[in-house]
PDB file of N, CA and C in Angstrom:
ATOM      1  N   MET A   1     111.533 126.734  85.424  1.00  0.00           N
ATOM      2  CA  MET A   1     112.634 126.062  86.108  1.00  0.00           C
ATOM      3  C   MET A   1     112.218 125.601  87.504  1.00  0.00           C
ATOM      4  N   LYS A   2     111.408 126.428  88.214  1.00  0.00           N
ATOM      5  CA  LYS A   2     110.952 126.029  89.541  1.00  0.00           C
ATOM      6  C   LYS A   2     110.072 124.784  89.475  1.00  0.00           C
ATOM      7  N   SER A   3     109.280 124.692  88.416  1.00  0.00           N
ATOM      8  CA  SER A   3     108.412 123.522  88.268  1.00  0.00           C
ATOM      9  C   SER A   3     109.220 122.247  88.095  1.00  0.00           C
ATOM     10  N   LEU A   4     110.297 122.342  87.355  1.00  0.00           N
ATOM     11  CA  LEU A   4     111.156 121.177  87.144  1.00  0.00           C
ATOM     12  C   LEU A   4     111.820 120.753  88.447  1.00  0.00           C
ATOM     13  N   LYS A   5     112.295 121.720  89.227  1.00  0.00           N
ATOM     14  CA  LYS A   5     112.905 121.398  90.521  1.00  0.00           C
ATOM     15  C   LYS A   5     111.884 120.772  91.465  1.00  0.00           C
ATOM     16  N   LEU A   6     110.666 121.295  91.446  1.00  0.00           N
ATOM     17  CA  LEU A   6     109.612 120.752  92.289  1.00  0.00           C
ATOM     18  C   LEU A   6     109.275 119.319  91.879  1.00  0.00           C
ATOM     19  N   LEU A   7     109.184 119.091  90.587  1.00  0.00           N
ATOM     20  CA  LEU A   7     108.911 117.742  90.084  1.00  0.00           C
ATOM     21  C   LEU A   7     110.023 116.773  90.479  1.00  0.00           C
ATOM     22  N   LEU A   8     111.259 117.181  90.325  1.00  0.00           N
ATOM     23  CA  LEU A   8     112.382 116.312  90.700  1.00  0.00           C
ATOM     24  C   LEU A   8     112.408 116.047  92.200  1.00  0.00           C
ATOM     25  N   ALA A   9     112.045 117.049  92.998  1.00  0.00           N
ATOM     26  CA  ALA A   9     112.000 116.851  94.450  1.00  0.00           C
ATOM     27  C   ALA A   9     110.922 115.829  94.817  1.00  0.00           C
ATOM     28  N   TRP A  10     109.759 115.909  94.177  1.00  0.00           N
ATOM     29  CA  TRP A  10     108.697 114.944  94.453  1.00  0.00           C
ATOM     30  C   TRP A  10     109.098 113.537  94.024  1.00  0.00           C
ATOM     31  N   ILE A  11     109.762 113.436  92.897  1.00  0.00           N
ATOM     32  CA  ILE A  11     110.230 112.121  92.440  1.00  0.00           C
ATOM     33  C   ILE A  11     111.267 111.572  93.416  1.00  0.00           C
ATOM     34  N   TRP A  12     112.152 112.437  93.911  1.00  0.00           N
ATOM     35  CA  TRP A  12     113.190 112.048  94.863  1.00  0.00           C
ATOM     36  C   TRP A  12     112.577 111.467  96.134  1.00  0.00           C
ATOM     37  N   VAL A  13     111.434 111.981  96.528  1.00  0.00           N
ATOM     38  CA  VAL A  13     110.753 111.513  97.739  1.00  0.00           C
ATOM     39  C   VAL A  13     109.831 110.344  97.431  1.00  0.00           C
ATOM     40  N   ALA A  14     109.125 110.392  96.313  1.00  0.00           N
ATOM     41  CA  ALA A  14     108.088 109.412  96.010  1.00  0.00           C
ATOM     42  C   ALA A  14     108.629 108.014  95.730  1.00  0.00           C
ATOM     43  N   ILE A  15     109.773 107.917  95.093  1.00  0.00           N
ATOM     44  CA  ILE A  15     110.294 106.591  94.743  1.00  0.00           C
ATOM     45  C   ILE A  15     110.664 105.779  95.988  1.00  0.00           C
ATOM     46  N   PRO A  16     111.478 106.294  96.911  1.00  0.00           N
ATOM     47  CA  PRO A  16     111.761 105.494  98.111  1.00  0.00           C
ATOM     48  C   PRO A  16     110.526 105.282  98.993  1.00  0.00           C
ATOM     49  N   LEU A  17     109.653 106.274  99.032  1.00  0.00           N
ATOM     50  CA  LEU A  17     108.432 106.130  99.828  1.00  0.00           C
ATOM     51  C   LEU A  17     107.544 105.020  99.285  1.00  0.00           C
ATOM     52  N   SER A  18     107.344 104.992  97.979  1.00  0.00           N
ATOM     53  CA  SER A  18     106.510 103.947  97.390  1.00  0.00           C
ATOM     54  C   SER A  18     107.159 102.572  97.544  1.00  0.00           C
ATOM     55  N   TRP A  19     108.482 102.499  97.466  1.00  0.00           N
ATOM     56  CA  TRP A  19     109.172 101.227  97.673  1.00  0.00           C
ATOM     57  C   TRP A  19     108.929 100.720  99.101  1.00  0.00           C
ATOM     58  N   GLY A  20     109.035 101.611 100.075  1.00  0.00           N
ATOM     59  CA  GLY A  20     108.820 101.220 101.464  1.00  0.00           C
ATOM     60  C   GLY A  20     107.387 100.810 101.743  1.00  0.00           C
ATOM     61  N   VAL A  21     106.446 101.528 101.179  1.00  0.00           N
ATOM     62  CA  VAL A  21     105.033 101.176 101.358  1.00  0.00           C
ATOM     63  C   VAL A  21     104.749  99.824 100.720  1.00  0.00           C
ATOM     64  N   TRP A  22     105.272  99.597  99.525  1.00  0.00           N
ATOM     65  CA  TRP A  22     105.054  98.323  98.843  1.00  0.00           C
ATOM     66  C   TRP A  22     105.590  97.155  99.662  1.00  0.00           C
ATOM     67  N   HIS A  23     106.772  97.286 100.203  1.00  0.00           N
ATOM     68  CA  HIS A  23     107.347  96.195 100.995  1.00  0.00           C
ATOM     69  C   HIS A  23     106.592  96.009 102.311  1.00  0.00           C
ATOM     70  N   SER A  24     106.124  97.062 102.901  1.00  0.00           N
ATOM     71  CA  SER A  24     105.333  96.946 104.129  1.00  0.00           C
ATOM     72  C   SER A  24     104.019  96.215 103.867  1.00  0.00           C
ATOM     73  N   VAL A  25     103.378  96.542 102.772  1.00  0.00           N
ATOM     74  CA  VAL A  25     102.125  95.865 102.423  1.00  0.00           C
ATOM     75  C   VAL A  25     102.387  94.394 102.143  1.00  0.00           C
ATOM     76  N   ARG A  26     103.443  94.099 101.386  1.00  0.00           N
ATOM     77  CA  ARG A  26     103.765  92.700 101.083  1.00  0.00           C
ATOM     78  C   ARG A  26     104.042  91.898 102.343  1.00  0.00           C
ATOM     79  N   LYS A  27     104.801  92.483 103.285  1.00  0.00           N
ATOM     80  CA  LYS A  27     105.161  91.762 104.505  1.00  0.00           C
ATOM     81  C   LYS A  27     103.964  91.595 105.435  1.00  0.00           C
ATOM     82  N   SER A  28     102.995  92.494 105.375  1.00  0.00           N
ATOM     83  CA  SER A  28     101.860  92.423 106.297  1.00  0.00           C
ATOM     84  C   SER A  28     100.711  91.580 105.761  1.00  0.00           C
ATOM     85  N   MET A  29     100.734  91.188 104.511  1.00  0.00           N
ATOM     86  CA  MET A  29      99.628  90.410 103.948  1.00  0.00           C
ATOM     87  C   MET A  29      99.335  89.118 104.713  1.00  0.00           C
ATOM     88  N   PRO A  30     100.319  88.362 105.179  1.00  0.00           N
ATOM     89  CA  PRO A  30      99.999  87.141 105.932  1.00  0.00           C
ATOM     90  C   PRO A  30      99.209  87.410 107.225  1.00  0.00           C
ATOM     91  N   LEU A  31      99.312  88.597 107.767  1.00  0.00           N
ATOM     92  CA  LEU A  31      98.564  88.910 108.984  1.00  0.00           C
ATOM     93  C   LEU A  31      97.059  88.964 108.741  1.00  0.00           C
ATOM     94  N   PHE A  32      96.659  89.237 107.515  1.00  0.00           N
ATOM     95  CA  PHE A  32      95.253  89.411 107.201  1.00  0.00           C
ATOM     96  C   PHE A  32      94.640  88.215 106.501  1.00  0.00           C
ATOM     97  N   GLN A  33      95.386  87.129 106.363  1.00  0.00           N
ATOM     98  CA  GLN A  33      94.860  85.927 105.731  1.00  0.00           C
ATOM     99  C   GLN A  33      94.431  84.940 106.801  1.00  0.00           C
ATOM    100  N   HIS A  34      93.440  84.133 106.469  1.00  0.00           N
ATOM    101  CA  HIS A  34      92.970  83.108 107.402  1.00  0.00           C
ATOM    102  C   HIS A  34      93.999  81.995 107.499  1.00  0.00           C
ATOM    103  N   PRO A  35      94.147  81.398 108.675  1.00  0.00           N
ATOM    104  CA  PRO A  35      95.080  80.257 108.792  1.00  0.00           C
ATOM    105  C   PRO A  35      94.534  79.056 108.036  1.00  0.00           C
ATOM    106  N   PRO A  36      95.389  78.175 107.564  1.00  0.00           N
ATOM    107  CA  PRO A  36      94.916  76.967 106.881  1.00  0.00           C
ATOM    108  C   PRO A  36      94.109  76.089 107.836  1.00  0.00           C
ATOM    109  N   ALA A  37      93.210  75.293 107.292  1.00  0.00           N
ATOM    110  CA  ALA A  37      92.312  74.466 108.101  1.00  0.00           C
ATOM    111  C   ALA A  37      93.065  73.425 108.926  1.00  0.00           C
ATOM    112  N   SER A  38      94.232  72.999 108.493  1.00  0.00           N
ATOM    113  CA  SER A  38      94.955  71.948 109.202  1.00  0.00           C
ATOM    114  C   SER A  38      95.881  72.491 110.295  1.00  0.00           C
ATOM    115  N   SER A  39      95.943  73.807 110.454  1.00  0.00           N
ATOM    116  CA  SER A  39      96.848  74.351 111.470  1.00  0.00           C
ATOM    117  C   SER A  39      96.225  74.213 112.853  1.00  0.00           C
ATOM    118  N   PRO A  40      97.024  74.091 113.895  1.00  0.00           N
ATOM    119  CA  PRO A  40      96.489  73.943 115.252  1.00  0.00           C
ATOM    120  C   PRO A  40      95.666  75.149 115.705  1.00  0.00           C
ATOM    121  N   ALA A  41      95.946  76.310 115.186  1.00  0.00           N
ATOM    122  CA  ALA A  41      95.185  77.494 115.577  1.00  0.00           C
ATOM    123  C   ALA A  41      93.755  77.445 115.071  1.00  0.00           C
ATOM    124  N   ALA A  42      93.500  76.692 113.996  1.00  0.00           N
ATOM    125  CA  ALA A  42      92.171  76.635 113.415  1.00  0.00           C
ATOM    126  C   ALA A  42      91.335  75.520 114.027  1.00  0.00           C
ATOM    127  N   VAL A  43      91.940  74.628 114.795  1.00  0.00           N
ATOM    128  CA  VAL A  43      91.207  73.509 115.385  1.00  0.00           C
ATOM    129  C   VAL A  43      90.492  73.989 116.638  1.00  0.00           C
ATOM    130  N   VAL A  44      89.189  73.765 116.674  1.00  0.00           N
ATOM    131  CA  VAL A  44      88.392  74.180 117.816  1.00  0.00           C
ATOM    132  C   VAL A  44      88.076  72.946 118.646  1.00  0.00           C
ATOM    133  N   THR A  45      88.399  72.989 119.924  1.00  0.00           N
ATOM    134  CA  THR A  45      88.100  71.868 120.802  1.00  0.00           C
ATOM    135  C   THR A  45      86.811  72.175 121.564  1.00  0.00           C
ATOM    136  N   PRO A  46      85.957  71.197 121.729  1.00  0.00           N
ATOM    137  CA  PRO A  46      84.696  71.450 122.437  1.00  0.00           C
ATOM    138  C   PRO A  46      84.949  71.674 123.934  1.00  0.00           C
ATOM    139  N   ALA A  47      84.137  72.531 124.534  1.00  0.00           N
ATOM    140  CA  ALA A  47      84.252  72.796 125.966  1.00  0.00           C
ATOM    141  C   ALA A  47      83.653  71.640 126.743  1.00  0.00           C
ATOM    142  N   ARG A  48      84.207  71.328 127.894  1.00  0.00           N
ATOM    143  CA  ARG A  48      83.686  70.224 128.716  1.00  0.00           C
ATOM    144  C   ARG A  48      82.828  70.724 129.830  1.00  0.00           C
TER     145      ARG A  48
END
């Protein structure tokens, strides 16, 4: 019976935790991608 309670407690914690981690990873993915070549941030101007 203790094993079942322990398993249910872990499931109770793991499901919301994994949901939050998944959404955090999804939202942070654009931070780690290179900007497109046509964006102003990617244009390099020569020094004078």
